């Protein structure tokens, strides 16, 4: 922070007083500056509140909804733009960084133009899947997809097929060792199979590339998530009959731990080997799976405000969990389960953590990073959009983010008069109380 002398503060105040006089003169003549069209909805400086950012979308994608699926520690976000009703499916993978969305390339010689980005690690490597052929084989009803990785090389995003000689793979997650959780998408004669993809020999596996890691004798299995130890969380279906399924943890040394809960499905794993997902049949509930050395695997059902369905999609290393809850099993609301310690969790509806008024309806939260930034999707002004929720700033009157409350912040507030975009005190509008709060905070942010 810069040091500020008393004469400098006096000069700033005199400048602002003059600007205020000029603004009042402009207001009386009807030419006061309009409110700025910021993408962020500014939250007040209060613990637990967020500001919401619309990731937007490039021109030419007017019919597409936007879905964010992953975020890394440097706030890079990945997902897909999709037309919900399109048959066959139309989807374009994207990365959002520094406020800009970039469409990621598809596999060459594939006019199908279907690609989805599912996860990104801290090095900026992105994984997902992309269609590899213009038409699927006869009798196959699904994606003719290949697991892919995107990397930025010399400033350009490039796509790499993780298994050029294979078919029907999907990459779901990537860790900071560039190891990838993959599953085989099936075909008319095969069920899904869990894989790990390695860039180099690791985990007692002598070769790089694809390795099947499913437990013994499943009907099918899927790898969903991988942590920085190379441990993979997945799900297997077993033909009893009837078909039952359970979650498992494959450790990098090749050992399995079956999570002793029928009808459990994992979605994410952190570096403490805590797994989140859902369990149940028909109506399922968001759950946390944790290993106790004395009692084995324990299943904790996450709290919700009412009966209904829920699912946990992701968690960070501090242990906070995001996902969705639905009271009527139709309409979803994005939610956060805050870790209170000792595997106790408190439920929050994310729609209530952005101060009103807001033009958002948050439907599903899909990922959370170590900085407590949350991504997902919902409706913004009635349109399907992806969101980034960032913890609300500790200096709510610093609208331009320069670490000071000064003249430009005052002009912003005055331009927002009567609207929400200049709200400092959190009451949902911009009025005299906000002006007094801004003037009271004048100078360097604490």
Protein backbone atom coordinates (compact mmCIF):
# COMPACT_ATOMS: atom_id res chain seq x y z
CA UNK A 1 0.00 0.00 0.00
CA UNK A 2 1.14 3.57 -0.69
CA UNK A 3 1.72 6.06 2.08
CA UNK A 4 -0.62 9.03 1.96
CA UNK A 5 0.18 12.41 3.48
CA UNK A 6 -2.40 14.76 4.92
CA UNK A 7 -2.04 17.26 2.00
CA UNK A 8 -2.72 14.41 -0.46
CA UNK A 9 -5.89 13.39 1.37
CA UNK A 10 -6.99 17.07 1.46
CA UNK A 11 -6.33 17.36 -2.27
CA UNK A 12 -8.35 14.20 -2.95
CA UNK A 13 -11.25 15.59 -0.90
CA UNK A 14 -11.18 18.95 -2.67
CA UNK A 15 -11.14 17.16 -6.04
CA UNK A 16 -14.07 15.01 -5.02
CA UNK A 17 -16.03 17.97 -3.71
CA UNK A 18 -15.59 19.65 -7.08
CA UNK A 19 -16.67 16.46 -8.87
CA UNK A 20 -19.74 16.25 -6.65
CA UNK A 21 -20.67 19.83 -7.50
CA UNK A 22 -20.22 19.06 -11.19
CA UNK A 23 -22.33 15.92 -10.90
CA UNK A 24 -25.13 17.76 -9.12
CA UNK A 25 -25.06 20.37 -11.87
CA UNK A 26 -25.22 17.61 -14.49
CA UNK A 27 -28.07 15.93 -12.64
CA UNK A 28 -30.09 19.13 -12.59
CA UNK A 29 -29.67 19.41 -16.36
CA UNK A 30 -30.55 15.74 -16.98
CA UNK A 31 -27.12 14.63 -18.20
CA UNK A 32 -25.85 12.79 -15.11
CA UNK A 33 -23.66 9.79 -15.95
CA UNK A 34 -25.50 6.52 -16.37
CA UNK A 35 -24.81 3.51 -14.19
CA UNK A 36 -21.98 1.37 -15.48
CA UNK A 37 -22.91 -2.02 -16.90
CA UNK A 38 -20.65 -4.06 -14.67
CA UNK A 39 -20.95 -7.82 -14.91
CA UNK A 40 -20.32 -8.22 -11.19
CA UNK A 41 -23.14 -7.73 -8.71
CA UNK A 42 -21.38 -6.07 -5.81
CA UNK A 43 -21.85 -7.68 -2.40
CA UNK A 44 -21.31 -5.84 0.86
CA UNK A 45 -18.28 -6.56 3.03
CA UNK A 46 -19.80 -9.17 5.27
CA UNK A 47 -18.57 -12.69 6.01
CA UNK A 48 -20.08 -15.31 3.76
CA UNK A 49 -21.47 -13.04 1.04
CA UNK A 50 -20.51 -13.24 -2.63
CA UNK A 51 -20.52 -11.14 -5.76
CA UNK A 52 -21.83 -12.83 -8.91
CA UNK A 53 -20.12 -12.58 -12.29
CA UNK A 54 -21.77 -13.64 -15.54
CA UNK A 55 -19.17 -15.41 -17.70
CA UNK A 56 -20.96 -14.15 -20.82
CA UNK A 57 -20.64 -15.85 -24.18
CA UNK A 58 -19.08 -15.05 -27.56
CA UNK A 59 -21.11 -13.62 -30.42
CA UNK A 60 -22.70 -16.23 -32.65
CA UNK A 61 -23.88 -18.40 -29.75
CA UNK A 62 -27.27 -16.81 -29.16
CA UNK A 63 -29.14 -20.14 -28.85
CA UNK A 64 -26.63 -21.70 -26.49
CA UNK A 65 -26.89 -22.05 -22.74
CA UNK A 66 -23.61 -21.73 -20.84
CA UNK A 67 -22.45 -24.32 -18.28
CA UNK A 68 -19.35 -23.98 -16.08
CA UNK A 69 -17.93 -27.26 -14.78
CA UNK A 70 -14.51 -26.56 -13.27
CA UNK A 71 -12.28 -23.86 -11.77
CA UNK A 72 -8.61 -23.94 -10.72
CA UNK A 73 -6.67 -21.98 -8.11
CA UNK A 74 -5.97 -19.10 -10.52
CA UNK A 75 -9.66 -18.62 -11.38
CA UNK A 76 -9.51 -20.15 -14.86
CA UNK A 77 -12.90 -21.70 -15.60
CA UNK A 78 -13.92 -24.38 -18.09
CA UNK A 79 -17.24 -25.64 -19.38
CA UNK A 80 -19.39 -25.82 -22.47
CA UNK A 81 -21.88 -23.84 -24.52
CA UNK A 82 -24.76 -26.14 -25.43
CA UNK A 83 -28.10 -25.93 -27.24
CA UNK A 84 -30.34 -27.86 -24.82
CA UNK A 85 -32.89 -29.09 -27.38
CA UNK A 86 -30.49 -29.84 -30.26
CA UNK A 87 -30.55 -33.37 -31.72
CA UNK A 88 -27.86 -34.42 -32.41
CA UNK A 89 -26.10 -32.59 -29.59
CA UNK A 90 -24.33 -29.31 -30.29
CA UNK A 91 -21.68 -28.30 -27.75
CA UNK A 92 -18.53 -26.17 -27.73
CA UNK A 93 -15.91 -26.38 -24.98
CA UNK A 94 -14.63 -23.10 -23.53
CA UNK A 95 -12.09 -21.67 -21.14
CA UNK A 96 -12.73 -18.37 -19.32
CA UNK A 97 -9.70 -16.43 -18.10
CA UNK A 98 -9.02 -12.78 -17.31
CA UNK A 99 -12.66 -11.94 -18.02
CA UNK A 100 -12.64 -13.43 -21.53
CA UNK A 101 -14.20 -16.62 -22.90
CA UNK A 102 -12.30 -18.59 -25.55
CA UNK A 103 -13.78 -21.46 -27.57
CA UNK A 104 -11.46 -24.46 -27.45
CA UNK A 105 -10.53 -26.35 -30.64
CA UNK A 106 -12.14 -29.68 -31.59
CA UNK A 107 -10.39 -32.76 -32.97
CA UNK A 108 -9.28 -32.44 -36.59
CA UNK A 109 -11.38 -34.03 -39.35
CA UNK A 110 -14.45 -34.08 -37.11
CA UNK A 111 -17.32 -31.97 -38.45
CA UNK A 112 -19.55 -33.07 -35.56
CA UNK A 113 -18.34 -30.04 -33.54
CA UNK A 114 -19.13 -31.52 -30.12
CA UNK A 115 -16.65 -30.86 -27.30
CA UNK A 116 -17.09 -30.46 -23.56
CA UNK A 117 -14.44 -29.30 -21.06
CA UNK A 118 -14.90 -30.87 -17.63
CA UNK A 119 -11.92 -29.93 -15.44
CA UNK A 120 -8.75 -27.82 -15.28
CA UNK A 121 -5.65 -28.17 -13.09
CA UNK A 122 -3.47 -25.41 -11.66
CA UNK A 123 -1.09 -25.60 -14.65
CA UNK A 124 -4.00 -24.73 -16.95
CA UNK A 125 -4.33 -28.20 -18.51
CA UNK A 126 -7.95 -28.87 -19.43
CA UNK A 127 -9.59 -32.27 -19.92
CA UNK A 128 -12.92 -33.38 -21.33
CA UNK A 129 -14.07 -35.06 -24.50
CA UNK A 130 -14.59 -34.28 -28.17
CA UNK A 131 -16.31 -36.15 -30.97
CA UNK A 132 -13.87 -37.93 -33.23
CA UNK A 133 -16.03 -38.97 -36.19
CA UNK A 134 -18.81 -37.40 -38.24
CA UNK A 135 -21.06 -40.44 -37.70
CA UNK A 136 -21.14 -43.05 -34.91
CA UNK A 137 -20.85 -46.76 -35.74
CA UNK A 138 -24.09 -48.52 -36.66
CA UNK A 139 -26.19 -49.43 -33.63
CA UNK A 140 -24.35 -47.08 -31.23
CA UNK A 141 -26.51 -44.53 -29.54
CA UNK A 142 -24.19 -42.18 -27.73
CA UNK A 143 -21.15 -40.06 -28.22
CA UNK A 144 -18.38 -41.18 -30.52
CA UNK A 145 -16.14 -39.28 -28.14
CA UNK A 146 -12.45 -39.30 -27.32
CA UNK A 147 -10.91 -38.21 -24.04
CA UNK A 148 -8.86 -35.10 -24.78
CA UNK A 149 -6.55 -32.61 -23.13
CA UNK A 150 -6.18 -28.96 -24.12
CA UNK A 151 -2.98 -27.05 -23.41
CA UNK A 152 -1.92 -23.51 -24.24
CA UNK A 153 1.31 -23.58 -26.27
CA UNK A 154 2.90 -20.35 -27.50
CA UNK A 155 -0.28 -18.49 -26.62
CA UNK A 156 -2.59 -20.82 -28.58
CA UNK A 157 -4.88 -23.53 -27.24
CA UNK A 158 -4.16 -26.94 -28.75
CA UNK A 159 -6.05 -30.23 -28.42
CA UNK A 160 -4.49 -33.67 -27.79
CA UNK A 161 -6.24 -37.01 -28.09
CA UNK A 162 -5.37 -39.07 -25.00
CA UNK A 163 -6.02 -42.36 -26.79
CA UNK A 164 -5.99 -41.92 -30.59
CA UNK A 165 -6.32 -45.68 -31.20
CA UNK A 166 -9.24 -46.13 -28.80
CA UNK A 167 -12.87 -45.10 -28.93
CA UNK A 168 -15.65 -43.78 -26.71
CA UNK A 169 -13.61 -42.43 -23.78
CA UNK A 170 -14.53 -39.47 -21.59
CA UNK A 171 -12.10 -37.57 -19.36
CA UNK A 172 -13.72 -36.30 -16.15
CA UNK A 173 -10.91 -34.88 -14.02
CA UNK A 174 -7.21 -33.98 -14.04
CA UNK A 175 -4.82 -33.50 -11.11
CA UNK A 176 -1.71 -31.36 -10.76
CA UNK A 177 0.47 -34.29 -11.90
CA UNK A 178 -1.36 -34.26 -15.27
CA UNK A 179 -2.97 -37.62 -14.43
CA UNK A 180 -6.52 -38.02 -15.72
CA UNK A 181 -9.62 -39.88 -14.53
CA UNK A 182 -11.25 -41.43 -17.63
CA UNK A 183 -14.07 -43.82 -18.35
CA UNK A 184 -14.94 -45.85 -21.40
CA UNK A 185 -18.23 -44.65 -22.80
CA UNK A 186 -19.53 -48.03 -23.93
CA UNK A 187 -20.70 -49.42 -27.27
CA UNK A 188 -23.41 -51.87 -28.39
CA UNK A 189 -21.39 -54.79 -26.97
CA UNK A 190 -19.61 -53.21 -23.98
CA UNK A 191 -20.31 -51.45 -20.69
CA UNK A 192 -18.34 -48.58 -19.21
CA UNK A 193 -14.87 -49.22 -17.79
CA UNK A 194 -12.87 -47.07 -15.35
CA UNK A 195 -9.42 -45.88 -16.45
CA UNK A 196 -6.56 -43.71 -15.34
CA UNK A 197 -4.44 -41.95 -17.97
CA UNK A 198 -0.80 -41.33 -17.06
CA UNK A 199 1.61 -38.95 -18.84
CA UNK A 200 4.51 -41.08 -17.55
CA UNK A 201 4.92 -44.29 -15.52
CA UNK A 202 3.46 -43.92 -12.01
CA UNK A 203 1.28 -45.70 -9.46
CA UNK A 204 3.17 -49.00 -9.95
CA UNK A 205 2.07 -48.92 -13.61
CA UNK A 206 5.10 -49.35 -15.90
CA UNK A 207 3.82 -47.49 -18.97
CA UNK A 208 2.26 -44.11 -19.71
CA UNK A 209 -1.19 -43.99 -21.31
CA UNK A 210 -4.54 -45.62 -20.48
CA UNK A 211 -4.86 -48.21 -17.70
CA UNK A 212 -8.08 -49.97 -16.63
CA UNK A 213 -8.51 -49.72 -12.85
CA UNK A 214 -11.94 -51.23 -12.24
CA UNK A 215 -12.61 -53.57 -9.30
CA UNK A 216 -13.16 -57.29 -9.77
CA UNK A 217 -16.16 -58.46 -11.78
CA UNK A 218 -18.31 -55.32 -12.11
CA UNK A 219 -20.99 -54.99 -14.73
CA UNK A 220 -19.52 -51.56 -15.47
CA UNK A 221 -17.45 -48.90 -13.72
CA UNK A 222 -16.60 -45.23 -14.11
CA UNK A 223 -13.76 -43.03 -12.85
CA UNK A 224 -15.15 -39.68 -11.69
CA UNK A 225 -12.38 -37.79 -9.90
CA UNK A 226 -8.65 -37.86 -9.10
CA UNK A 227 -6.61 -36.06 -6.43
CA UNK A 228 -2.97 -34.98 -6.34
CA UNK A 229 -1.89 -38.32 -4.83
CA UNK A 230 -3.13 -40.10 -7.94
CA UNK A 231 -6.06 -41.63 -6.04
CA UNK A 232 -9.22 -42.11 -8.08
CA UNK A 233 -12.83 -42.09 -6.86
CA UNK A 234 -15.27 -44.06 -8.97
CA UNK A 235 -18.47 -46.05 -9.11
CA UNK A 236 -19.15 -49.66 -10.09
CA UNK A 237 -22.41 -51.42 -10.97
CA UNK A 238 -22.74 -55.10 -10.09
CA UNK A 239 -25.25 -57.54 -11.55
CA UNK A 240 -26.70 -59.33 -8.54
CA UNK A 241 -29.59 -59.25 -9.75
CA UNK A 242 -30.92 -56.67 -9.25
CA UNK A 243 -28.19 -54.24 -10.24
CA UNK A 244 -26.61 -52.47 -7.26
CA UNK A 245 -23.81 -49.95 -7.25
CA UNK A 246 -21.33 -48.54 -4.83
CA UNK A 247 -18.50 -46.04 -4.70
CA UNK A 248 -14.83 -46.97 -4.48
CA UNK A 249 -11.42 -45.44 -4.00
CA UNK A 250 -8.52 -46.72 -6.12
CA UNK A 251 -5.22 -45.73 -4.56
CA UNK A 252 -2.10 -45.03 -6.56
CA UNK A 253 -0.45 -48.19 -5.21
CA UNK A 254 -3.17 -50.24 -6.90
CA UNK A 255 -5.22 -50.95 -3.75
CA UNK A 256 -9.01 -50.64 -3.60
CA UNK A 257 -11.20 -49.43 -0.78
CA UNK A 258 -14.86 -50.10 -1.36
CA UNK A 259 -17.00 -47.50 0.37
CA UNK A 260 -19.45 -49.57 2.39
CA UNK A 261 -22.61 -47.89 1.24
CA UNK A 262 -24.86 -49.34 -1.43
CA UNK A 263 -26.18 -47.03 -4.12
CA UNK A 264 -23.39 -44.50 -3.55
CA UNK A 265 -21.89 -42.45 -6.36
CA UNK A 266 -18.86 -40.17 -5.95
CA UNK A 267 -18.32 -36.87 -7.77
CA UNK A 268 -15.12 -35.44 -6.31
CA UNK A 269 -12.19 -36.21 -4.01
CA UNK A 270 -9.81 -33.82 -2.25
CA UNK A 271 -6.23 -34.33 -1.12
CA UNK A 272 -7.36 -35.65 2.28
CA UNK A 273 -9.16 -38.49 0.45
CA UNK A 274 -12.54 -37.11 1.47
CA UNK A 275 -15.08 -37.99 -1.20
CA UNK A 276 -18.38 -36.27 -1.96
CA UNK A 277 -21.33 -37.31 -4.08
CA UNK A 278 -24.74 -38.82 -3.38
CA UNK A 279 -26.28 -42.03 -2.16
CA UNK A 280 -29.69 -43.56 -2.45
CA UNK A 281 -31.92 -45.12 -5.07
CA UNK A 282 -34.70 -43.14 -6.71
CA UNK A 283 -34.45 -40.22 -4.29
CA UNK A 284 -30.79 -39.61 -3.45
CA UNK A 285 -29.08 -37.37 -0.92
CA UNK A 286 -25.82 -35.41 -0.96
CA UNK A 287 -23.20 -37.25 1.05
CA UNK A 288 -19.62 -37.09 2.29
CA UNK A 289 -17.55 -40.28 2.56
CA UNK A 290 -14.63 -40.24 4.97
CA UNK A 291 -12.28 -42.96 6.21
CA UNK A 292 -11.85 -43.56 9.92
CA UNK A 293 -8.93 -45.89 10.84
CA UNK A 294 -11.02 -47.53 13.57
CA UNK A 295 -14.44 -47.67 11.93
CA UNK A 296 -13.58 -47.78 8.22
CA UNK A 297 -15.52 -45.73 5.69
CA UNK A 298 -18.20 -43.48 7.15
CA UNK A 299 -21.08 -41.91 5.22
CA UNK A 300 -22.36 -38.49 6.32
CA UNK A 301 -25.63 -37.22 4.82
CA UNK A 302 -25.36 -33.48 4.23
CA UNK A 303 -28.10 -31.32 5.78
CA UNK A 304 -30.81 -29.71 3.64
CA UNK A 305 -33.61 -27.30 4.56
CA UNK A 306 -36.35 -29.80 3.68
CA UNK A 307 -36.95 -33.27 2.34
CA UNK A 308 -36.14 -33.73 -1.33
CA UNK A 309 -33.14 -34.66 -3.48
CA UNK A 310 -29.61 -33.31 -3.37
CA UNK A 311 -26.14 -34.01 -4.71
CA UNK A 312 -22.67 -32.83 -3.79
CA UNK A 313 -20.62 -32.09 -6.91
CA UNK A 314 -17.27 -30.88 -5.59
CA UNK A 315 -15.22 -29.95 -2.55
CA UNK A 316 -11.98 -28.07 -1.94
CA UNK A 317 -9.07 -28.96 0.33
CA UNK A 318 -10.44 -26.86 3.24
CA UNK A 319 -13.47 -29.18 3.07
CA UNK A 320 -16.26 -26.91 1.82
CA UNK A 321 -18.74 -28.65 -0.51
CA UNK A 322 -20.97 -27.37 -3.34
CA UNK A 323 -23.84 -28.94 -5.25
CA UNK A 324 -27.60 -28.63 -5.51
CA UNK A 325 -30.83 -29.28 -3.61
CA UNK A 326 -34.37 -29.75 -4.93
CA UNK A 327 -37.43 -29.79 -2.69
CA UNK A 328 -39.81 -30.86 -5.48
CA UNK A 329 -37.28 -32.97 -7.44
CA UNK A 330 -37.72 -30.60 -10.40
CA UNK A 331 -36.42 -27.12 -9.63
CA UNK A 332 -32.86 -27.05 -8.31
CA UNK A 333 -31.09 -24.47 -6.18
CA UNK A 334 -27.32 -24.20 -6.00
CA UNK A 335 -26.00 -24.68 -2.50
CA UNK A 336 -22.91 -24.61 -0.32
CA UNK A 337 -22.17 -26.83 2.66
CA UNK A 338 -19.65 -25.02 4.83
CA UNK A 339 -17.32 -27.33 6.79
CA UNK A 340 -17.64 -26.55 10.50
CA UNK A 341 -14.96 -29.05 11.55
CA UNK A 342 -15.17 -32.72 12.58
CA UNK A 343 -17.23 -33.44 9.43
CA UNK A 344 -20.06 -31.18 10.59
CA UNK A 345 -21.58 -29.07 7.82
CA UNK A 346 -23.87 -26.04 7.60
CA UNK A 347 -26.18 -25.61 4.59
CA UNK A 348 -26.44 -22.35 2.60
CA UNK A 349 -28.62 -21.55 -0.40
CA UNK A 350 -26.27 -19.65 -2.73
CA UNK A 351 -29.22 -17.58 -3.95
CA UNK A 352 -29.32 -16.02 -0.49
CA UNK A 353 -25.60 -15.20 -0.37
CA UNK A 354 -25.67 -12.49 -3.06
CA UNK A 355 -27.35 -9.40 -1.59
CA UNK A 356 -30.64 -8.38 -3.25
CA UNK A 357 -31.79 -7.25 -5.65
CA UNK A 358 -30.25 -9.81 -7.99
CA UNK A 359 -31.13 -10.87 -11.51
CA UNK A 360 -29.76 -14.39 -10.95
CA UNK A 361 -31.29 -17.75 -10.13
CA UNK A 362 -28.43 -20.12 -9.25
CA UNK A 363 -29.48 -23.69 -10.12
CA UNK A 364 -26.37 -25.82 -9.64
CA UNK A 365 -22.88 -25.27 -8.23
CA UNK A 366 -20.31 -27.51 -9.89
CA UNK A 367 -16.90 -26.64 -8.42
CA UNK A 368 -15.15 -24.65 -5.69
CA UNK A 369 -11.46 -23.72 -5.43
CA UNK A 370 -9.20 -23.05 -2.45
CA UNK A 371 -9.95 -19.31 -2.68
CA UNK A 372 -13.64 -20.08 -1.98
CA UNK A 373 -14.62 -19.13 -5.54
CA UNK A 374 -17.61 -21.11 -6.81
CA UNK A 375 -18.75 -21.84 -10.36
CA UNK A 376 -21.95 -23.29 -11.75
CA UNK A 377 -24.92 -22.35 -13.86
CA UNK A 378 -28.45 -21.01 -13.64
CA UNK A 379 -30.59 -18.25 -15.11
CA UNK A 380 -29.50 -14.63 -15.52
CA UNK A 381 -32.28 -12.34 -16.69
CA UNK A 382 -34.07 -15.56 -17.65
CA UNK A 383 -31.23 -16.89 -19.87
CA UNK A 384 -29.10 -19.98 -19.24
CA UNK A 385 -25.73 -18.64 -18.07
CA UNK A 386 -22.65 -19.75 -16.17
CA UNK A 387 -21.64 -17.89 -13.02
CA UNK A 388 -18.57 -17.22 -10.93
CA UNK A 389 -19.19 -16.36 -7.29
CA UNK A 390 -16.33 -14.51 -5.62
CA UNK A 391 -16.20 -13.67 -1.90
CA UNK A 392 -17.50 -10.14 -1.43
CA UNK A 393 -14.75 -7.55 -0.98
CA UNK A 394 -13.74 -6.29 2.46
CA UNK A 395 -13.85 -2.71 1.14
CA UNK A 396 -17.34 -2.40 -0.39
CA UNK A 397 -16.98 1.25 -1.44
CA UNK A 398 -13.86 0.49 -3.54
CA UNK A 399 -15.77 -0.14 -6.76
CA UNK A 400 -12.76 0.06 -9.10
CA UNK A 401 -10.68 -2.32 -6.94
CA UNK A 402 -7.59 -0.10 -6.69
CA UNK A 403 -7.33 -0.36 -2.90
CA UNK A 404 -8.61 3.18 -2.35
CA UNK A 405 -12.00 4.77 -1.85
CA UNK A 406 -11.71 7.87 -3.97
CA UNK A 407 -13.08 10.07 -6.73
CA UNK A 408 -13.77 7.34 -9.29
CA UNK A 409 -15.64 5.30 -6.69
CA UNK A 410 -17.74 8.35 -5.84
CA UNK A 411 -18.58 8.93 -9.50
CA UNK A 412 -19.57 5.28 -9.84
CA UNK A 413 -21.87 5.51 -6.82
CA UNK A 414 -23.50 8.71 -8.05
CA UNK A 415 -24.06 7.16 -11.48
CA UNK A 416 -25.82 4.24 -9.77
CA UNK A 417 -28.15 6.43 -7.71
CA UNK A 418 -31.43 4.61 -7.06
CA UNK A 419 -30.07 1.31 -8.40
CA UNK A 420 -28.23 -1.65 -6.86
CA UNK A 421 -24.83 -1.20 -8.52
CA UNK A 422 -23.63 1.45 -6.03
CA UNK A 423 -24.89 -0.28 -2.88
CA UNK A 424 -22.35 0.02 -0.05
CA UNK A 425 -24.43 -0.78 3.04
CA UNK A 426 -26.09 -3.91 1.61
CA UNK A 427 -29.69 -2.73 1.62
CA UNK A 428 -30.12 -3.31 -2.13
CA UNK A 429 -30.14 0.26 -3.46
CA UNK A 430 -27.93 3.33 -3.77
CA UNK A 431 -28.99 6.30 -1.67
CA UNK A 432 -27.79 8.89 0.82
CA UNK A 433 -26.77 6.25 3.36
CA UNK A 434 -24.40 4.72 0.80
CA UNK A 435 -22.96 8.15 -0.06
CA UNK A 436 -22.26 8.84 3.62
CA UNK A 437 -20.73 5.37 4.05
CA UNK A 438 -18.45 5.95 1.06
CA UNK A 439 -17.33 9.36 2.34
CA UNK A 440 -16.73 7.83 5.78
CA UNK A 441 -14.46 5.19 4.19
CA UNK A 442 -12.52 7.78 2.14
CA UNK A 443 -8.87 6.93 1.63
CA UNK A 444 -6.90 3.70 1.75
CA UNK A 445 -8.86 0.47 2.26
CA UNK A 446 -8.15 -1.29 5.56
